Protein backbone atom coordinates (compact mmCIF):
# COMPACT_ATOMS: atom_id res chain seq x y z
CA MET A 1 246.20 -127.37 18.95
CA THR A 2 243.75 -124.64 18.68
CA GLU A 3 241.27 -124.19 21.56
CA GLU A 4 237.79 -123.30 21.14
CA ILE A 5 236.64 -120.34 23.18
CA ALA A 6 232.75 -119.83 23.29
CA VAL A 7 231.92 -116.25 23.42
CA ILE A 8 228.50 -114.91 24.83
CA PRO A 9 228.38 -111.28 25.43
CA GLY A 10 224.57 -111.49 26.47
CA ASP A 11 222.64 -108.10 27.43
CA GLY A 12 223.50 -104.64 28.30
CA ILE A 13 227.30 -103.70 29.00
CA GLY A 14 228.04 -107.53 28.15
CA GLY A 15 228.02 -106.41 24.52
CA GLU A 16 230.86 -103.82 25.24
CA VAL A 17 233.00 -105.34 27.80
CA VAL A 18 233.31 -108.97 26.21
CA PRO A 19 234.54 -107.50 23.01
CA ALA A 20 237.20 -105.39 25.16
CA ALA A 21 238.35 -108.87 26.74
CA ILE A 22 238.48 -110.45 23.38
CA GLU A 23 240.68 -107.70 22.11
CA VAL A 24 242.92 -108.08 24.94
CA LEU A 25 243.22 -111.71 24.56
CA GLU A 26 243.87 -111.52 20.73
CA ALA A 27 246.87 -109.12 21.66
CA LEU A 28 248.47 -112.02 23.22
CA ASP A 29 248.06 -114.08 20.12
CA PRO A 30 247.23 -117.33 21.59
CA ASP A 31 246.02 -120.29 19.40
CA PHE A 32 242.30 -119.52 20.13
CA GLU A 33 239.15 -119.80 18.03
CA PHE A 34 236.44 -117.39 19.33
CA VAL A 35 233.00 -118.76 18.47
CA GLU A 36 230.11 -116.49 19.58
CA GLY A 37 226.62 -117.52 20.87
CA GLU A 38 223.59 -115.64 21.73
CA ALA A 39 221.65 -115.50 25.00
CA GLY A 40 219.53 -113.16 27.05
CA ASP A 41 216.68 -110.78 27.23
CA HIS A 42 216.93 -109.62 23.23
CA VAL A 43 217.14 -113.35 22.41
CA LEU A 44 213.98 -114.13 24.39
CA GLU A 45 212.18 -111.44 22.35
CA SER A 46 213.40 -112.52 19.14
CA ARG A 47 213.31 -116.19 19.53
CA GLY A 48 211.14 -116.80 22.41
CA GLU A 49 213.92 -118.52 24.67
CA ALA A 50 216.62 -116.75 26.43
CA LEU A 51 219.18 -119.52 25.99
CA PRO A 52 219.04 -121.34 22.56
CA ASP A 53 219.96 -125.00 22.50
CA GLU A 54 222.91 -124.31 20.02
CA THR A 55 224.42 -121.80 22.68
CA TYR A 56 224.04 -124.23 25.54
CA GLU A 57 225.91 -126.90 23.45
CA LEU A 58 228.44 -124.35 22.42
CA ALA A 59 229.39 -123.67 25.96
CA ALA A 60 229.21 -127.37 26.66
CA ASP A 61 231.71 -128.39 23.82
CA ALA A 62 234.15 -125.51 24.02
CA ASP A 63 237.37 -125.56 25.88
CA ALA A 64 236.11 -122.56 27.85
CA THR A 65 233.49 -119.83 27.87
CA LEU A 66 233.59 -116.13 28.19
CA PHE A 67 230.22 -114.55 29.29
CA GLY A 68 229.13 -111.17 29.80
CA ALA A 69 225.92 -110.57 31.58
CA ALA A 70 222.16 -111.31 31.30
CA GLY A 71 219.16 -109.16 32.31
CA GLU A 72 215.87 -110.09 33.47
CA THR A 73 216.40 -113.67 32.07
CA ALA A 74 219.57 -113.97 34.23
CA ALA A 75 218.34 -117.18 35.98
CA ASP A 76 217.36 -118.74 32.58
CA VAL A 77 220.80 -118.09 31.06
CA ILE A 78 223.51 -117.99 33.63
CA LEU A 79 222.38 -121.04 35.66
CA PRO A 80 221.91 -123.38 32.73
CA LEU A 81 225.48 -122.23 31.34
CA ARG A 82 226.96 -123.22 34.68
CA GLU A 83 225.25 -126.61 34.28
CA ALA A 84 226.42 -126.97 30.59
CA VAL A 85 230.10 -126.44 31.76
CA GLY A 86 229.78 -128.80 34.61
CA SER A 87 230.37 -126.26 37.20
CA PHE A 88 230.63 -127.16 40.86
CA ALA A 89 232.80 -124.29 42.11
CA ASN A 90 232.30 -120.46 41.60
CA VAL A 91 235.51 -118.51 42.35
CA ARG A 92 235.28 -114.95 43.08
CA PRO A 93 238.42 -113.01 44.00
CA ALA A 94 238.05 -109.75 45.56
CA ARG A 95 241.39 -107.44 45.55
CA ALA A 96 241.97 -103.91 46.20
CA TYR A 97 244.09 -102.25 43.72
CA PRO A 98 246.67 -99.41 44.02
CA GLY A 99 245.24 -96.13 42.64
CA VAL A 100 241.76 -97.08 43.11
CA ASP A 101 239.62 -95.50 45.84
CA SER A 102 238.60 -98.45 48.05
CA LEU A 103 237.04 -98.66 51.48
CA ARG A 104 239.60 -101.34 52.70
CA PRO A 105 242.78 -101.15 50.56
CA GLU A 106 244.27 -104.09 52.58
CA THR A 107 241.53 -106.35 51.04
CA ASP A 108 242.65 -109.69 49.39
CA LEU A 109 239.91 -112.29 49.44
CA VAL A 110 238.69 -115.19 47.24
CA PHE A 111 235.17 -116.60 47.80
CA VAL A 112 234.93 -120.13 46.94
CA ARG A 113 231.32 -120.79 46.62
CA GLU A 114 229.32 -124.04 46.12
CA ASN A 115 227.68 -123.64 42.62
CA THR A 116 225.25 -126.57 42.18
CA GLU A 117 222.51 -126.72 45.03
CA GLY A 118 221.36 -124.71 48.01
CA VAL A 119 218.53 -122.24 47.52
CA TYR A 120 219.33 -122.05 43.75
CA SER A 121 218.30 -125.50 43.15
CA GLY A 122 215.27 -124.29 41.83
CA ILE A 123 212.61 -126.15 43.67
CA GLU A 124 209.98 -123.42 44.50
CA ASN A 125 206.04 -124.25 45.08
CA GLU A 126 203.15 -122.59 45.94
CA ILE A 127 201.38 -124.96 48.43
CA ALA A 128 198.44 -122.96 49.22
CA ASP A 129 196.79 -119.57 48.26
CA GLY A 130 199.48 -116.97 49.55
CA VAL A 131 201.58 -119.54 50.75
CA THR A 132 205.00 -120.41 48.94
CA THR A 133 207.96 -122.74 49.84
CA LEU A 134 211.56 -122.82 48.69
CA THR A 135 213.38 -126.00 49.15
CA ARG A 136 217.36 -125.82 50.20
CA VAL A 137 219.11 -128.96 49.00
CA VAL A 138 222.63 -129.55 50.63
CA THR A 139 224.38 -132.81 49.97
CA ASP A 140 227.50 -134.38 51.41
CA GLU A 141 228.95 -135.03 48.01
CA ALA A 142 228.72 -131.43 46.96
CA SER A 143 229.80 -130.05 50.21
CA ARG A 144 233.05 -132.31 50.08
CA LYS A 145 233.81 -131.31 46.72
CA ILE A 146 233.65 -127.54 47.37
CA ALA A 147 235.59 -127.98 50.43
CA GLN A 148 238.44 -130.11 48.84
CA TYR A 149 238.59 -127.22 45.77
CA GLY A 150 238.64 -124.53 48.30
CA PHE A 151 241.49 -126.04 50.53
CA GLU A 152 243.49 -126.97 47.50
CA TYR A 153 242.87 -123.52 45.93
CA ALA A 154 244.16 -121.86 49.04
CA GLU A 155 247.51 -123.96 49.14
CA ALA A 156 248.25 -123.44 45.49
CA ASN A 157 247.73 -119.74 45.66
CA GLY A 158 249.47 -119.02 48.82
CA TYR A 159 246.56 -117.97 51.05
CA GLY A 160 247.18 -119.19 54.59
CA ASP A 161 243.82 -118.14 56.10
CA VAL A 162 240.81 -120.36 55.21
CA THR A 163 237.35 -119.63 56.68
CA VAL A 164 234.21 -121.71 56.16
CA ALA A 165 231.15 -119.68 56.28
CA HIS A 166 227.72 -121.20 57.41
CA LYS A 167 224.69 -120.59 59.50
CA ALA A 168 224.54 -124.01 61.03
CA ASN A 169 223.19 -122.45 64.13
CA VAL A 170 219.86 -121.74 62.66
CA MET A 171 219.84 -124.13 59.56
CA ARG A 172 220.90 -127.14 61.64
CA THR A 173 220.10 -129.85 59.08
CA THR A 174 221.24 -128.34 55.94
CA ASP A 175 224.22 -125.97 56.93
CA GLY A 176 225.03 -128.52 59.73
CA ARG A 177 225.46 -131.16 56.77
CA PHE A 178 227.58 -128.56 54.80
CA LEU A 179 229.62 -127.87 58.01
CA GLU A 180 230.28 -131.33 59.00
CA SER A 181 231.14 -132.31 55.46
CA VAL A 182 233.77 -129.69 55.26
CA GLU A 183 235.09 -130.42 58.65
CA ARG A 184 235.68 -134.13 57.51
CA VAL A 185 237.43 -133.01 54.33
CA ALA A 186 239.84 -130.50 56.43
CA GLU A 187 240.45 -133.49 59.19
CA GLU A 188 241.36 -136.07 56.30
CA GLY A 189 243.62 -133.72 54.60
CA GLY A 190 245.14 -131.98 57.59
CA TYR A 191 243.89 -128.50 56.40
CA GLU A 192 243.84 -125.59 58.95
CA HIS A 193 241.00 -123.38 58.85
CA ASP A 194 238.46 -121.32 60.98
CA GLU A 195 234.56 -121.26 60.72
CA ALA A 196 232.35 -118.17 61.11
CA LEU A 197 228.55 -117.57 61.09
CA MET A 198 227.97 -115.87 57.61
CA ASP A 199 225.94 -112.87 59.24
CA ALA A 200 228.91 -112.22 61.86
CA LEU A 201 231.51 -112.82 58.96
CA ALA A 202 229.79 -109.88 56.89
CA MET A 203 230.56 -107.73 59.74
CA HIS A 204 233.95 -108.92 60.31
CA LEU A 205 235.01 -108.61 56.74
CA LEU A 206 234.06 -104.90 56.68
CA LEU A 207 236.13 -104.21 59.96
CA ARG A 208 238.92 -106.50 59.48
CA PRO A 209 239.35 -107.97 55.77
CA GLU A 210 243.14 -108.38 56.38
CA GLU A 211 242.40 -111.58 58.48
CA TYR A 212 240.64 -113.29 55.78
CA GLY A 213 242.15 -114.97 52.58
CA VAL A 214 239.92 -117.96 51.07
CA VAL A 215 236.35 -118.13 52.30
CA ILE A 216 234.48 -121.53 51.33
CA CYS A 217 230.76 -120.94 51.20
CA PRO A 218 227.35 -122.53 50.39
CA ASN A 219 225.80 -121.07 47.47
CA LEU A 220 223.82 -118.02 48.50
CA ALA A 221 226.18 -117.06 51.36
CA GLY A 222 228.93 -116.96 48.52
CA ASP A 223 226.92 -114.79 46.33
CA VAL A 224 225.98 -112.30 48.95
CA LEU A 225 229.44 -112.13 50.70
CA SER A 226 231.29 -111.76 47.44
CA ASP A 227 229.02 -108.85 46.51
CA LEU A 228 229.62 -107.16 49.92
CA ALA A 229 233.49 -107.49 49.25
CA ALA A 230 233.08 -105.60 46.20
CA GLY A 231 232.05 -102.53 48.22
CA LEU A 232 235.44 -102.90 50.01
CA VAL A 233 237.49 -102.57 46.98
CA GLY A 234 235.97 -100.03 44.73
CA GLY A 235 232.72 -101.82 43.13
CA LEU A 236 231.63 -104.71 40.93
CA GLY A 237 233.42 -103.29 38.07
CA LEU A 238 236.60 -104.99 39.57
CA LEU A 239 235.42 -108.37 40.56
CA PRO A 240 235.98 -111.18 37.89
CA SER A 241 234.72 -114.84 38.51
CA ALA A 242 235.28 -118.41 37.24
CA ASN A 243 232.69 -121.15 37.22
CA VAL A 244 234.80 -124.28 37.41
CA GLY A 245 234.06 -127.83 36.32
CA GLU A 246 236.22 -130.96 36.16
CA GLY A 247 237.45 -129.89 32.80
CA ASN A 248 235.38 -127.21 31.24
CA ALA A 249 234.83 -123.84 32.74
CA LEU A 250 232.92 -120.43 32.30
CA PHE A 251 234.31 -117.03 33.16
CA GLU A 252 232.30 -113.90 33.68
CA PRO A 253 232.25 -110.33 35.58
CA VAL A 254 230.51 -110.42 38.76
CA HIS A 255 228.64 -107.43 37.50
CA GLY A 256 225.30 -107.34 35.90
CA SER A 257 223.93 -106.04 32.59
CA ALA A 258 223.98 -102.45 33.93
CA PRO A 259 221.15 -101.07 31.61
CA ASP A 260 221.47 -97.41 32.91
CA ILE A 261 224.75 -97.20 31.30
CA ALA A 262 224.47 -99.67 28.47
CA GLY A 263 225.26 -98.35 25.11
CA GLN A 264 227.07 -95.26 26.46
CA GLY A 265 230.44 -96.79 25.89
CA ILE A 266 231.57 -96.03 29.46
CA ALA A 267 231.41 -99.44 31.23
CA ASN A 268 234.37 -100.51 32.97
CA PRO A 269 235.95 -103.84 31.09
CA ALA A 270 238.32 -104.67 33.94
CA ALA A 271 236.30 -107.10 35.51
CA THR A 272 235.65 -108.99 32.31
CA VAL A 273 239.40 -108.58 31.21
CA LEU A 274 240.54 -110.17 34.73
CA SER A 275 238.03 -112.83 34.10
CA ALA A 276 239.72 -113.54 30.80
CA ALA A 277 242.92 -113.77 32.76
CA MET A 278 241.38 -116.42 34.83
CA LEU A 279 240.39 -118.09 31.55
CA LEU A 280 243.91 -118.10 30.56
CA ASP A 281 245.00 -119.81 33.79
CA HIS A 282 242.39 -122.49 33.38
CA LEU A 283 243.75 -123.25 29.92
CA GLY A 284 247.73 -123.20 31.13
CA TYR A 285 248.66 -119.88 29.72
CA ASP A 286 249.94 -118.83 33.05
CA GLY A 287 252.54 -116.22 31.85
CA GLU A 288 249.88 -114.57 29.46
CA ALA A 289 247.35 -114.47 32.35
CA GLU A 290 249.96 -112.70 34.47
CA ARG A 291 250.64 -110.31 31.67
CA VAL A 292 247.03 -109.34 31.42
CA ARG A 293 246.85 -108.90 35.20
CA THR A 294 249.86 -106.75 35.35
CA ALA A 295 248.63 -104.72 32.79
CA VAL A 296 245.01 -104.19 34.36
CA GLU A 297 246.71 -103.24 37.56
CA ALA A 298 248.87 -100.45 35.84
CA VAL A 299 245.87 -98.99 34.27
CA LEU A 300 243.98 -99.13 37.27
CA LYS A 301 246.91 -97.34 39.21
CA GLU A 302 247.89 -94.84 36.39
CA GLY A 303 244.80 -94.43 34.49
CA PRO A 304 242.75 -93.91 32.26
CA ARG A 305 239.76 -94.76 34.28
CA THR A 306 236.12 -94.94 33.42
CA PRO A 307 233.42 -92.86 35.35
CA ASP A 308 232.72 -95.66 37.88
CA LEU A 309 236.20 -95.21 39.20
CA GLY A 310 236.12 -91.31 39.13
CA GLY A 311 237.71 -90.83 35.67
CA HIS A 312 236.25 -89.74 32.32
CA ALA A 313 237.62 -92.39 30.06
CA SER A 314 235.55 -94.35 27.50
CA THR A 315 235.58 -98.52 27.47
CA ALA A 316 237.57 -98.25 24.36
CA ASP A 317 240.17 -95.79 25.88
CA VAL A 318 240.70 -98.20 28.87
CA THR A 319 240.78 -101.18 26.65
CA ALA A 320 243.53 -99.73 24.45
CA ALA A 321 245.59 -98.82 27.50
CA ILE A 322 245.44 -102.20 28.79
CA VAL A 323 246.38 -103.70 25.31
CA ASP A 324 249.18 -101.32 24.95
CA ARG A 325 250.63 -102.79 28.20
CA VAL A 326 250.09 -106.19 27.36
């Protein structure tokens, strides 16, 4: 049966790296129908809204979505798109690859980030002149759900070390709720794990990343810590991600729209191609996903490489090399 893939390039280099990932997927000849939608800064300028209703519905109805990046309208695009696919988990692997100059070549981490609440719930108010507030929402239901997903992900993917990040020593009610909920899931399922204050964890990840595997995080902590991990492995151009729902999912590189290099044809497509590999995993194309990852790893090791990795190749050059190996 043909599966529909929503394709939303977005802004900046999204318009360069998403077509690269589609080219790699097409080389596998899966039974996919790619349907493109528009979103982002340029859509706001031309249509008065960053995320048209038809793009939201496209993502909601598709079997999976591949998204590029949004610029200034990121909050108005990616948060609703994650809602459209019913995402509750944001999965961000951070691995060091042979041949890539990395700060910590032993790094092999996966951040499993709660994706629906926390400080990203969007509840901000100005309660008096010069006084603003942000409401942080943490529920038992969402915390248990991300915990269950994180522990099961670690087991399914061979990660023996699971760490729960929190700041319950200061945010006693909200992160206290998160930690208590995760602990109950661990006790009920017999899952072994450690816990760490998120600020201390940031330091330890830099010093001893090999001691960590899967890190289960509240929303903001997962966002910040996964970007920190990008610095360990060679930059944001190498980090894919999945926004996972009960059945639907959206896949995107962790990097942004990179307006400083947009249009120059030198953007690194690796993160988006690796996101496409996660999309293949989600749809049950495990063998094809592994072929893509193997091809990307070979190109990262042997070249060609884009300027962010010290090379001189174009996006098209790297894409062609990946396709050849696929």
